[in-house]
Amino acid sequence: MNALMKFQKFRQIKQQQMQNKTVGLQPKRLFGLRNDVLGNIHFTMTKYEIIYPAANVIVIQNFVTNEQKFLRLPENINPEIIVISPNRKLIAIAELNIITEKTTIAIYDIEELKRLKTLQLAVECPIQAVEIYAFITIYTFGKNDTMVTGRASNKNYPGRATLVKCNPSDTSIITVGGENMMKIMNKTEKGFGQLGTN
């Protein structure tokens, strides 16, 4: 009995000590990576910074110095797709306006953290959303007109394109992939010519 009473007394003392202690948490890093955004993480030119969406901002975090910069998106804008340029100086964000349900493509400078240009989808695009990717538009950044517009899928094999990637060394060559489709295409004077197979 004596041992049992000692154990119970010891347990009571420990419980009182635990109740009197306050535990303080100090988070070192907070990540809110959104997994609903296509292309949700990229490396910048420095190779020590990553770009990722968190809530309604785009975070540029230096993981060596633990410093963060924020690119705040306009109100009622939801990022859907993030793509970084081959030279890693610009990012393009497909932004869905929650109120009007229209998608635009905004181009931002990573160093300046400001919007450089907003692109509307092509007029001949039947659906005003970027996620379909049935049409591809190459835009001359210095001009305000579309250079080449082409259809990625073909009538015999109606695959849905879900991913478009540019060749980092030659931006006239792109790869289009998706369900039942994989095409390597190059820009010609008339539109796009296919280099690969379905």
N, C-alpha and C. Protein backbone atom coordinates (compact mmCIF):
# COMPACT_ATOMS: atom_id res chain seq x y z
N MET A 1 0.82 -1.20 0.00
CA MET A 1 0.00 0.00 0.00
C MET A 1 0.86 1.25 0.00
N ASN A 2 1.92 1.17 0.73
CA ASN A 2 2.79 2.32 0.84
C ASN A 2 3.35 2.73 -0.52
N ALA A 3 3.73 1.76 -1.33
CA ALA A 3 4.27 2.05 -2.66
C ALA A 3 3.19 2.64 -3.56
N LEU A 4 1.97 2.13 -3.46
CA LEU A 4 0.86 2.65 -4.26
C LEU A 4 0.54 4.08 -3.88
N MET A 5 0.57 4.41 -2.58
CA MET A 5 0.29 5.77 -2.13
C MET A 5 1.38 6.73 -2.59
N LYS A 6 2.63 6.26 -2.55
CA LYS A 6 3.73 7.10 -3.02
C LYS A 6 3.57 7.40 -4.52
N PHE A 7 3.17 6.37 -5.26
CA PHE A 7 2.99 6.54 -6.71
C PHE A 7 1.87 7.54 -7.00
N GLN A 8 0.74 7.43 -6.27
CA GLN A 8 -0.38 8.35 -6.48
C GLN A 8 0.00 9.78 -6.10
N LYS A 9 0.74 9.95 -5.03
CA LYS A 9 1.20 11.28 -4.61
C LYS A 9 2.14 11.87 -5.67
N PHE A 10 3.06 11.03 -6.17
CA PHE A 10 3.98 11.46 -7.22
C PHE A 10 3.21 11.89 -8.48
N ARG A 11 2.19 11.12 -8.82
CA ARG A 11 1.37 11.44 -10.00
C ARG A 11 0.63 12.75 -9.82
N GLN A 12 0.09 13.03 -8.64
CA GLN A 12 -0.61 14.28 -8.36
C GLN A 12 0.33 15.47 -8.48
N ILE A 13 1.54 15.34 -7.95
CA ILE A 13 2.52 16.43 -8.03
C ILE A 13 2.87 16.71 -9.49
N LYS A 14 3.08 15.66 -10.27
CA LYS A 14 3.42 15.83 -11.69
C LYS A 14 2.28 16.49 -12.46
N GLN A 15 1.04 16.10 -12.15
CA GLN A 15 -0.11 16.70 -12.83
C GLN A 15 -0.21 18.18 -12.49
N GLN A 16 0.02 18.56 -11.25
CA GLN A 16 -0.02 19.97 -10.86
C GLN A 16 1.09 20.76 -11.54
N GLN A 17 2.27 20.16 -11.63
CA GLN A 17 3.38 20.83 -12.31
C GLN A 17 3.05 21.05 -13.79
N MET A 18 2.44 20.07 -14.41
CA MET A 18 2.09 20.18 -15.83
C MET A 18 1.02 21.24 -16.04
N GLN A 19 0.07 21.37 -15.10
CA GLN A 19 -0.97 22.37 -15.24
C GLN A 19 -0.42 23.78 -15.06
N ASN A 20 0.59 23.95 -14.24
CA ASN A 20 1.17 25.26 -13.99
C ASN A 20 2.10 25.72 -15.12
N LYS A 21 2.59 24.78 -15.91
CA LYS A 21 3.51 25.14 -16.99
C LYS A 21 2.73 25.66 -18.19
N THR A 22 3.24 26.69 -18.81
CA THR A 22 2.67 27.16 -20.08
C THR A 22 3.66 26.83 -21.18
N VAL A 23 3.13 26.35 -22.24
CA VAL A 23 3.96 25.97 -23.38
C VAL A 23 3.83 27.04 -24.45
N GLY A 24 4.94 27.59 -24.87
CA GLY A 24 4.93 28.61 -25.93
C GLY A 24 5.53 28.05 -27.20
N LEU A 25 4.81 28.17 -28.28
CA LEU A 25 5.31 27.70 -29.57
C LEU A 25 5.86 28.87 -30.35
N GLN A 26 6.98 28.67 -30.95
CA GLN A 26 7.58 29.68 -31.81
C GLN A 26 7.86 29.04 -33.16
N PRO A 27 6.95 29.20 -34.11
CA PRO A 27 7.16 28.56 -35.41
C PRO A 27 8.36 29.18 -36.13
N LYS A 28 9.15 28.33 -36.75
CA LYS A 28 10.32 28.81 -37.49
C LYS A 28 9.92 29.18 -38.91
N ARG A 29 9.12 28.36 -39.53
CA ARG A 29 8.66 28.63 -40.90
C ARG A 29 7.18 28.29 -40.99
N LEU A 30 6.47 29.08 -41.75
CA LEU A 30 5.07 28.79 -42.00
C LEU A 30 4.89 28.64 -43.50
N PHE A 31 4.42 27.49 -43.93
CA PHE A 31 4.16 27.26 -45.34
C PHE A 31 2.67 27.06 -45.52
N GLY A 32 2.13 27.65 -46.56
CA GLY A 32 0.73 27.48 -46.88
C GLY A 32 0.59 27.12 -48.34
N LEU A 33 1.42 26.22 -48.80
CA LEU A 33 1.46 25.85 -50.21
C LEU A 33 0.10 25.36 -50.67
N ARG A 34 -0.40 25.99 -51.74
CA ARG A 34 -1.69 25.59 -52.29
C ARG A 34 -1.48 24.47 -53.28
N ASN A 35 -2.16 23.37 -53.08
CA ASN A 35 -2.01 22.25 -53.99
C ASN A 35 -3.03 22.27 -55.12
N ASP A 36 -3.91 23.26 -55.15
CA ASP A 36 -4.90 23.36 -56.22
C ASP A 36 -4.42 24.23 -57.38
N VAL A 37 -3.19 24.71 -57.33
CA VAL A 37 -2.63 25.56 -58.39
C VAL A 37 -1.64 24.72 -59.19
N LEU A 38 -1.85 24.67 -60.51
CA LEU A 38 -0.95 23.92 -61.38
C LEU A 38 0.37 24.68 -61.50
N GLY A 39 1.48 24.00 -61.35
CA GLY A 39 2.78 24.66 -61.38
C GLY A 39 3.01 25.46 -60.11
N ASN A 40 2.71 24.84 -58.96
CA ASN A 40 2.68 25.60 -57.72
C ASN A 40 4.03 25.82 -57.05
N ILE A 41 5.13 25.36 -57.64
CA ILE A 41 6.44 25.66 -57.05
C ILE A 41 7.50 25.72 -58.15
N HIS A 42 8.31 26.77 -58.09
CA HIS A 42 9.37 27.00 -59.08
C HIS A 42 10.61 27.55 -58.38
N PHE A 43 11.77 27.32 -58.99
CA PHE A 43 13.01 27.94 -58.54
C PHE A 43 13.25 29.20 -59.36
N THR A 44 13.80 30.24 -58.73
CA THR A 44 14.13 31.47 -59.45
C THR A 44 15.53 31.36 -60.01
N MET A 45 16.02 32.49 -60.56
CA MET A 45 17.33 32.53 -61.17
C MET A 45 18.46 32.27 -60.17
N THR A 46 18.28 32.66 -58.93
CA THR A 46 19.35 32.53 -57.94
C THR A 46 19.55 31.10 -57.48
N LYS A 47 18.59 30.23 -57.74
CA LYS A 47 18.60 28.83 -57.31
C LYS A 47 18.48 28.65 -55.79
N TYR A 48 18.41 29.76 -55.05
CA TYR A 48 18.21 29.68 -53.61
C TYR A 48 16.83 30.20 -53.22
N GLU A 49 16.03 30.55 -54.20
CA GLU A 49 14.69 31.05 -53.94
C GLU A 49 13.68 30.15 -54.62
N ILE A 50 12.57 29.95 -53.93
CA ILE A 50 11.46 29.23 -54.51
C ILE A 50 10.25 30.15 -54.56
N ILE A 51 9.39 29.92 -55.54
CA ILE A 51 8.16 30.69 -55.71
C ILE A 51 7.01 29.71 -55.52
N TYR A 52 6.06 30.08 -54.66
CA TYR A 52 4.90 29.23 -54.46
C TYR A 52 3.70 30.08 -54.03
N PRO A 53 2.47 29.63 -54.35
CA PRO A 53 1.28 30.36 -53.92
C PRO A 53 0.87 29.95 -52.50
N ALA A 54 0.48 30.94 -51.72
CA ALA A 54 -0.05 30.71 -50.37
C ALA A 54 -1.17 31.72 -50.18
N ALA A 55 -2.36 31.21 -49.94
CA ALA A 55 -3.55 32.06 -49.82
C ALA A 55 -3.69 32.91 -51.08
N ASN A 56 -3.74 34.24 -50.94
CA ASN A 56 -3.92 35.11 -52.11
C ASN A 56 -2.64 35.88 -52.43
N VAL A 57 -1.50 35.29 -52.12
CA VAL A 57 -0.21 35.90 -52.45
C VAL A 57 0.69 34.87 -53.10
N ILE A 58 1.68 35.37 -53.82
CA ILE A 58 2.74 34.52 -54.36
C ILE A 58 3.96 34.80 -53.49
N VAL A 59 4.50 33.78 -52.87
CA VAL A 59 5.62 33.92 -51.95
C VAL A 59 6.91 33.59 -52.69
N ILE A 60 7.91 34.46 -52.53
CA ILE A 60 9.25 34.20 -53.03
C ILE A 60 10.12 34.06 -51.80
N GLN A 61 10.54 32.83 -51.51
CA GLN A 61 11.27 32.56 -50.28
C GLN A 61 12.70 32.14 -50.57
N ASN A 62 13.63 32.81 -49.92
CA ASN A 62 15.03 32.42 -49.97
C ASN A 62 15.23 31.40 -48.85
N PHE A 63 15.48 30.15 -49.21
CA PHE A 63 15.55 29.12 -48.18
C PHE A 63 16.92 29.04 -47.51
N VAL A 64 17.87 29.87 -47.91
CA VAL A 64 19.15 29.95 -47.21
C VAL A 64 19.08 30.99 -46.09
N THR A 65 18.56 32.18 -46.42
CA THR A 65 18.47 33.26 -45.43
C THR A 65 17.12 33.30 -44.72
N ASN A 66 16.17 32.48 -45.17
CA ASN A 66 14.81 32.44 -44.62
C ASN A 66 14.07 33.77 -44.76
N GLU A 67 14.40 34.56 -45.78
CA GLU A 67 13.68 35.80 -46.06
C GLU A 67 12.59 35.52 -47.08
N GLN A 68 11.50 36.26 -46.95
CA GLN A 68 10.37 36.11 -47.86
C GLN A 68 10.00 37.45 -48.47
N LYS A 69 9.60 37.41 -49.75
CA LYS A 69 9.00 38.55 -50.43
C LYS A 69 7.62 38.10 -50.89
N PHE A 70 6.69 39.05 -50.93
CA PHE A 70 5.32 38.70 -51.28
C PHE A 70 4.85 39.49 -52.49
N LEU A 71 4.22 38.80 -53.40
CA LEU A 71 3.56 39.41 -54.55
C LEU A 71 2.07 39.26 -54.29
N ARG A 72 1.43 40.36 -53.90
CA ARG A 72 0.02 40.31 -53.53
C ARG A 72 -0.84 40.39 -54.78
N LEU A 73 -1.76 39.45 -54.90
CA LEU A 73 -2.68 39.42 -56.03
C LEU A 73 -3.87 40.32 -55.74
N PRO A 74 -4.50 40.86 -56.78
CA PRO A 74 -5.68 41.71 -56.56
C PRO A 74 -6.80 40.95 -55.85
N GLU A 75 -7.68 41.71 -55.23
CA GLU A 75 -8.81 41.11 -54.52
C GLU A 75 -9.71 40.39 -55.52
N ASN A 76 -10.34 39.31 -55.09
CA ASN A 76 -11.24 38.47 -55.88
C ASN A 76 -10.52 37.76 -57.03
N ILE A 77 -9.21 37.63 -56.95
CA ILE A 77 -8.44 36.92 -57.97
C ILE A 77 -7.90 35.63 -57.35
N ASN A 78 -8.10 34.53 -58.07
CA ASN A 78 -7.64 33.23 -57.61
C ASN A 78 -6.62 32.69 -58.62
N PRO A 79 -5.37 32.43 -58.23
CA PRO A 79 -4.41 31.89 -59.19
C PRO A 79 -4.75 30.44 -59.54
N GLU A 80 -4.70 30.11 -60.85
CA GLU A 80 -4.98 28.75 -61.29
C GLU A 80 -3.73 28.03 -61.76
N ILE A 81 -2.89 28.76 -62.50
CA ILE A 81 -1.68 28.17 -63.07
C ILE A 81 -0.55 29.17 -62.94
N ILE A 82 0.64 28.70 -62.58
CA ILE A 82 1.82 29.55 -62.50
C ILE A 82 2.90 28.94 -63.39
N VAL A 83 3.47 29.77 -64.27
CA VAL A 83 4.53 29.33 -65.18
C VAL A 83 5.66 30.35 -65.08
N ILE A 84 6.90 29.87 -65.05
CA ILE A 84 8.05 30.76 -65.01
C ILE A 84 8.71 30.77 -66.38
N SER A 85 9.23 31.93 -66.78
CA SER A 85 9.87 32.06 -68.09
C SER A 85 11.18 31.28 -68.11
N PRO A 86 11.66 30.91 -69.31
CA PRO A 86 12.92 30.16 -69.38
C PRO A 86 14.11 30.89 -68.75
N ASN A 87 14.13 32.23 -68.82
CA ASN A 87 15.24 32.96 -68.19
C ASN A 87 15.01 33.20 -66.69
N ARG A 88 13.87 32.75 -66.17
CA ARG A 88 13.51 32.81 -64.75
C ARG A 88 13.44 34.23 -64.19
N LYS A 89 13.08 35.19 -65.05
CA LYS A 89 12.93 36.57 -64.60
C LYS A 89 11.47 36.99 -64.54
N LEU A 90 10.60 36.29 -65.24
CA LEU A 90 9.18 36.62 -65.29
C LEU A 90 8.35 35.41 -64.89
N ILE A 91 7.18 35.67 -64.31
CA ILE A 91 6.22 34.60 -64.08
C ILE A 91 4.90 35.01 -64.71
N ALA A 92 4.21 34.04 -65.26
CA ALA A 92 2.87 34.24 -65.81
C ALA A 92 1.90 33.48 -64.92
N ILE A 93 0.83 34.16 -64.55
CA ILE A 93 -0.16 33.56 -63.66
C ILE A 93 -1.51 33.62 -64.34
N ALA A 94 -2.14 32.46 -64.52
CA ALA A 94 -3.51 32.42 -65.01
C ALA A 94 -4.40 32.74 -63.81
N GLU A 95 -5.05 33.91 -63.87
CA GLU A 95 -5.83 34.40 -62.74
C GLU A 95 -7.32 34.33 -63.06
N LEU A 96 -8.06 33.68 -62.20
CA LEU A 96 -9.51 33.58 -62.34
C LEU A 96 -10.16 34.64 -61.47
N ASN A 97 -10.95 35.52 -62.10
CA ASN A 97 -11.72 36.50 -61.34
C ASN A 97 -12.94 35.78 -60.79
N ILE A 98 -13.06 35.71 -59.48
CA ILE A 98 -14.13 34.95 -58.84
C ILE A 98 -15.50 35.54 -59.14
N ILE A 99 -15.60 36.84 -59.30
CA ILE A 99 -16.89 37.50 -59.53
C ILE A 99 -17.34 37.33 -60.98
N THR A 100 -16.47 37.67 -61.94
CA THR A 100 -16.86 37.60 -63.36
C THR A 100 -16.63 36.23 -63.97
N GLU A 101 -15.90 35.35 -63.28
CA GLU A 101 -15.56 34.01 -63.74
C GLU A 101 -14.81 34.03 -65.07
N LYS A 102 -14.01 35.06 -65.31
CA LYS A 102 -13.18 35.14 -66.51
C LYS A 102 -11.73 34.98 -66.10
N THR A 103 -10.98 34.34 -66.97
CA THR A 103 -9.57 34.11 -66.70
C THR A 103 -8.71 35.02 -67.56
N THR A 104 -7.72 35.62 -66.95
CA THR A 104 -6.73 36.41 -67.67
C THR A 104 -5.35 35.87 -67.30
N ILE A 105 -4.38 36.24 -68.09
CA ILE A 105 -3.00 35.85 -67.81
C ILE A 105 -2.23 37.11 -67.47
N ALA A 106 -1.69 37.16 -66.27
CA ALA A 106 -0.92 38.32 -65.82
C ALA A 106 0.56 37.95 -65.80
N ILE A 107 1.39 38.85 -66.32
CA ILE A 107 2.83 38.63 -66.35
C ILE A 107 3.47 39.57 -65.33
N TYR A 108 4.27 38.99 -64.43
CA TYR A 108 4.90 39.73 -63.35
C TYR A 108 6.42 39.65 -63.46
N ASP A 109 7.09 40.73 -63.05
CA ASP A 109 8.54 40.74 -62.93
C ASP A 109 8.89 40.24 -61.53
N ILE A 110 9.75 39.23 -61.45
CA ILE A 110 10.09 38.63 -60.16
C ILE A 110 10.90 39.58 -59.29
N GLU A 111 11.84 40.30 -59.89
CA GLU A 111 12.69 41.21 -59.11
C GLU A 111 11.92 42.42 -58.59
N GLU A 112 11.12 43.04 -59.48
CA GLU A 112 10.39 44.27 -59.12
C GLU A 112 9.11 43.98 -58.35
N LEU A 113 8.61 42.75 -58.43
CA LEU A 113 7.34 42.35 -57.81
C LEU A 113 6.19 43.22 -58.28
N LYS A 114 6.12 43.44 -59.60
CA LYS A 114 5.00 44.23 -60.12
C LYS A 114 4.50 43.61 -61.42
N ARG A 115 3.24 43.91 -61.70
CA ARG A 115 2.59 43.39 -62.90
C ARG A 115 3.07 44.18 -64.11
N LEU A 116 3.52 43.47 -65.14
CA LEU A 116 3.99 44.12 -66.35
C LEU A 116 2.90 44.20 -67.41
N LYS A 117 2.12 43.15 -67.54
CA LYS A 117 1.12 43.11 -68.60
C LYS A 117 0.02 42.13 -68.24
N THR A 118 -1.18 42.40 -68.73
CA THR A 118 -2.30 41.48 -68.58
C THR A 118 -2.76 41.07 -69.97
N LEU A 119 -2.86 39.76 -70.19
CA LEU A 119 -3.26 39.23 -71.49
C LEU A 119 -4.65 38.63 -71.40
N GLN A 120 -5.47 38.93 -72.38
CA GLN A 120 -6.79 38.32 -72.47
C GLN A 120 -6.66 37.07 -73.33
N LEU A 121 -7.56 36.13 -73.17
CA LEU A 121 -7.55 34.95 -74.02
C LEU A 121 -7.96 35.33 -75.43
N ALA A 122 -7.54 34.53 -76.40
CA ALA A 122 -7.85 34.81 -77.80
C ALA A 122 -9.36 34.85 -78.02
N VAL A 123 -9.79 35.72 -78.93
CA VAL A 123 -11.23 35.89 -79.19
C VAL A 123 -11.84 34.61 -79.74
N GLU A 124 -11.07 33.89 -80.60
CA GLU A 124 -11.61 32.68 -81.21
C GLU A 124 -11.63 31.48 -80.26
N CYS A 125 -11.13 31.65 -79.06
CA CYS A 125 -11.16 30.58 -78.07
C CYS A 125 -12.60 30.43 -77.57
N PRO A 126 -13.24 29.28 -77.80
CA PRO A 126 -14.66 29.15 -77.47
C PRO A 126 -14.95 29.17 -75.97
N ILE A 127 -14.04 28.71 -75.16
CA ILE A 127 -14.26 28.66 -73.72
C ILE A 127 -13.31 29.64 -73.07
N GLN A 128 -13.81 30.53 -72.24
CA GLN A 128 -12.97 31.56 -71.62
C GLN A 128 -12.34 31.03 -70.33
N ALA A 129 -11.59 29.95 -70.43
CA ALA A 129 -10.84 29.42 -69.29
C ALA A 129 -9.53 28.85 -69.79
N VAL A 130 -8.51 28.96 -69.00
CA VAL A 130 -7.19 28.52 -69.42
C VAL A 130 -7.01 27.02 -69.25
N GLU A 131 -7.73 26.39 -68.34
CA GLU A 131 -7.46 25.00 -68.01
C GLU A 131 -7.68 24.05 -69.19
N ILE A 132 -8.44 24.42 -70.20
CA ILE A 132 -8.70 23.53 -71.32
C ILE A 132 -7.46 23.37 -72.19
N TYR A 133 -6.75 24.43 -72.47
CA TYR A 133 -5.53 24.42 -73.28
C TYR A 133 -5.76 23.85 -74.68
N ALA A 134 -6.94 23.95 -75.24
CA ALA A 134 -7.15 23.47 -76.60
C ALA A 134 -6.51 24.42 -77.60
N PHE A 135 -6.39 25.68 -77.22
CA PHE A 135 -5.74 26.66 -78.08
C PHE A 135 -4.46 27.12 -77.42
N ILE A 136 -3.45 27.39 -78.21
CA ILE A 136 -2.18 27.89 -77.70
C ILE A 136 -1.92 29.22 -78.37
N THR A 137 -1.52 30.20 -77.59
CA THR A 137 -1.21 31.51 -78.14
C THR A 137 0.21 31.88 -77.77
N ILE A 138 1.00 32.25 -78.78
CA ILE A 138 2.33 32.79 -78.50
C ILE A 138 2.19 34.30 -78.62
N TYR A 139 2.59 34.99 -77.60
CA TYR A 139 2.41 36.43 -77.53
C TYR A 139 3.76 37.12 -77.59
N THR A 140 3.88 38.10 -78.48
CA THR A 140 5.10 38.89 -78.51
C THR A 140 5.02 39.88 -77.37
N PHE A 141 5.95 39.77 -76.43
CA PHE A 141 5.83 40.54 -75.20
C PHE A 141 5.94 42.04 -75.42
N GLY A 142 6.76 42.48 -76.36
CA GLY A 142 6.93 43.91 -76.59
C GLY A 142 5.77 44.52 -77.36
N LYS A 143 4.97 43.70 -78.04
CA LYS A 143 3.85 44.20 -78.84
C LYS A 143 2.54 43.83 -78.17
N ASN A 144 1.46 44.36 -78.68
CA ASN A 144 0.16 44.06 -78.10
C ASN A 144 -0.69 43.20 -79.01
N ASP A 145 -0.06 42.39 -79.85
CA ASP A 145 -0.85 41.54 -80.72
C ASP A 145 -0.36 40.10 -80.64
N THR A 146 -1.20 39.19 -81.08
CA THR A 146 -0.87 37.78 -81.05
C THR A 146 -0.09 37.44 -82.31
N MET A 147 0.99 36.71 -82.15
CA MET A 147 1.78 36.30 -83.32
C MET A 147 1.16 35.09 -84.00
N VAL A 148 0.98 34.02 -83.25
CA VAL A 148 0.52 32.76 -83.82
C VAL A 148 -0.50 32.15 -82.88
N THR A 149 -1.60 31.68 -83.45
CA THR A 149 -2.59 30.95 -82.68
C THR A 149 -2.81 29.62 -83.37
N GLY A 150 -2.87 28.54 -82.62
CA GLY A 150 -3.08 27.23 -83.24
C GLY A 150 -3.84 26.31 -82.33
N ARG A 151 -4.43 25.28 -82.94
CA ARG A 151 -5.20 24.30 -82.18
C ARG A 151 -4.28 23.12 -81.86
N ALA A 152 -4.26 22.73 -80.60
CA ALA A 152 -3.35 21.65 -80.17
C ALA A 152 -3.93 20.27 -80.44
N SER A 153 -5.23 20.08 -80.24
CA SER A 153 -5.83 18.76 -80.45
C SER A 153 -6.26 18.63 -81.90
N ASN A 154 -6.48 17.40 -82.36
CA ASN A 154 -6.99 17.23 -83.71
C ASN A 154 -8.31 16.47 -83.69
N LYS A 155 -9.02 16.50 -84.81
CA LYS A 155 -10.39 15.97 -84.85
C LYS A 155 -10.43 14.45 -84.70
N ASN A 156 -9.42 13.75 -85.22
CA ASN A 156 -9.41 12.28 -85.16
C ASN A 156 -9.16 11.76 -83.75
N TYR A 157 -8.34 12.46 -82.99
CA TYR A 157 -8.01 12.07 -81.63
C TYR A 157 -8.31 13.23 -80.69
N PRO A 158 -9.55 13.36 -80.24
CA PRO A 158 -9.92 14.53 -79.42
C PRO A 158 -9.39 14.42 -77.99
N GLY A 159 -8.09 14.59 -77.83
CA GLY A 159 -7.50 14.58 -76.49
C GLY A 159 -7.60 15.95 -75.85
N ARG A 160 -7.62 15.96 -74.55
CA ARG A 160 -7.70 17.22 -73.82
C ARG A 160 -6.30 17.60 -73.35
N ALA A 161 -5.80 18.72 -73.82
CA ALA A 161 -4.47 19.18 -73.42
C ALA A 161 -4.56 19.79 -72.03
N THR A 162 -3.64 19.39 -71.16
CA THR A 162 -3.62 19.91 -69.80
C THR A 162 -2.30 20.55 -69.42
N LEU A 163 -1.28 20.41 -70.26
CA LEU A 163 0.03 20.94 -69.92
C LEU A 163 0.74 21.43 -71.17
N VAL A 164 1.31 22.63 -71.10
CA VAL A 164 2.08 23.21 -72.19
C VAL A 164 3.42 23.65 -71.62
N LYS A 165 4.51 23.23 -72.25
CA LYS A 165 5.85 23.62 -71.80
C LYS A 165 6.65 24.11 -73.00
N CYS A 166 7.38 25.22 -72.81
CA CYS A 166 8.25 25.77 -73.84
C CYS A 166 9.65 25.20 -73.68
N ASN A 167 10.35 25.07 -74.80
CA ASN A 167 11.74 24.66 -74.78
C ASN A 167 12.55 25.82 -74.22
N PRO A 168 13.37 25.61 -73.18
CA PRO A 168 14.11 26.73 -72.58
C PRO A 168 15.12 27.38 -73.52
N SER A 169 15.67 26.62 -74.46
CA SER A 169 16.67 27.20 -75.35
C SER A 169 16.08 27.71 -76.66
N ASP A 170 14.92 27.20 -77.07
CA ASP A 170 14.28 27.64 -78.30
C ASP A 170 12.78 27.78 -78.03
N THR A 171 12.31 29.01 -77.82
CA THR A 171 10.91 29.22 -77.42
C THR A 171 9.93 29.03 -78.57
N SER A 172 10.40 28.73 -79.78
CA SER A 172 9.48 28.44 -80.87
C SER A 172 9.06 26.97 -80.86
N ILE A 173 9.64 26.16 -80.00
CA ILE A 173 9.27 24.75 -79.88
C ILE A 173 8.57 24.55 -78.55
N ILE A 174 7.38 23.95 -78.61
CA ILE A 174 6.61 23.69 -77.39
C ILE A 174 6.19 22.23 -77.34
N THR A 175 5.89 21.77 -76.15
CA THR A 175 5.36 20.43 -75.95
C THR A 175 3.99 20.58 -75.33
N VAL A 176 3.02 19.86 -75.90
CA VAL A 176 1.65 19.88 -75.41
C VAL A 176 1.31 18.47 -74.98
N GLY A 177 0.85 18.31 -73.75
CA GLY A 177 0.51 16.98 -73.26
C GLY A 177 -0.84 16.97 -72.58
N GLY A 178 -1.39 15.80 -72.49
CA GLY A 178 -2.68 15.65 -71.83
C GLY A 178 -3.22 14.25 -72.02
N GLU A 179 -4.51 14.10 -71.76
CA GLU A 179 -5.15 12.80 -71.91
C GLU A 179 -5.18 12.40 -73.38
N ASN A 180 -4.62 11.27 -73.71
CA ASN A 180 -4.55 10.75 -75.09
C ASN A 180 -3.80 11.67 -76.03
N MET A 181 -2.87 12.46 -75.56
CA MET A 181 -2.13 13.34 -76.46
C MET A 181 -0.77 13.69 -75.91
N MET A 182 0.19 13.77 -76.82
CA MET A 182 1.54 14.24 -76.51
C MET A 182 2.10 14.73 -77.83
N LYS A 183 2.26 16.04 -77.96
CA LYS A 183 2.72 16.63 -79.22
C LYS A 183 3.89 17.56 -78.96
N ILE A 184 4.85 17.49 -79.86
CA ILE A 184 5.94 18.46 -79.89
C ILE A 184 5.69 19.30 -81.13
N MET A 185 5.52 20.60 -80.95
CA MET A 185 5.12 21.48 -82.05
C MET A 185 6.12 22.63 -82.17
N ASN A 186 6.26 23.11 -83.41
CA ASN A 186 7.10 24.29 -83.62
C ASN A 186 6.30 25.36 -84.33
N LYS A 187 6.72 26.60 -84.12
CA LYS A 187 6.03 27.75 -84.70
C LYS A 187 6.48 27.90 -86.15
N THR A 188 5.51 28.01 -87.05
CA THR A 188 5.79 28.29 -88.46
C THR A 188 5.10 29.59 -88.83
N GLU A 189 5.23 30.00 -90.09
CA GLU A 189 4.58 31.24 -90.52
C GLU A 189 3.07 31.12 -90.52
N LYS A 190 2.53 29.92 -90.76
CA LYS A 190 1.09 29.71 -90.86
C LYS A 190 0.45 29.33 -89.53
N GLY A 191 1.22 28.92 -88.59
CA GLY A 191 0.67 28.47 -87.32
C GLY A 191 1.64 27.55 -86.63
N PHE A 192 1.14 26.38 -86.19
CA PHE A 192 2.00 25.39 -85.55
C PHE A 192 2.14 24.17 -86.43
N GLY A 193 3.34 23.64 -86.50
CA GLY A 193 3.58 22.38 -87.19
C GLY A 193 3.97 21.34 -86.17
N GLN A 194 3.50 20.11 -86.39
CA GLN A 194 3.75 19.06 -85.42
C GLN A 194 5.08 18.38 -85.70
N LEU A 195 5.90 18.20 -84.67
CA LEU A 195 7.17 17.50 -84.78
C LEU A 195 7.06 16.09 -84.23
N GLY A 196 6.23 15.89 -83.22
CA GLY A 196 6.12 14.59 -82.55
C GLY A 196 4.90 13.83 -83.02
N THR A 197 4.50 12.84 -82.22
CA THR A 197 3.33 12.02 -82.53
C THR A 197 2.31 12.16 -81.42
N ASN A 198 1.10 11.62 -81.67
CA ASN A 198 0.04 11.67 -80.66
C ASN A 198 0.37 10.82 -79.48
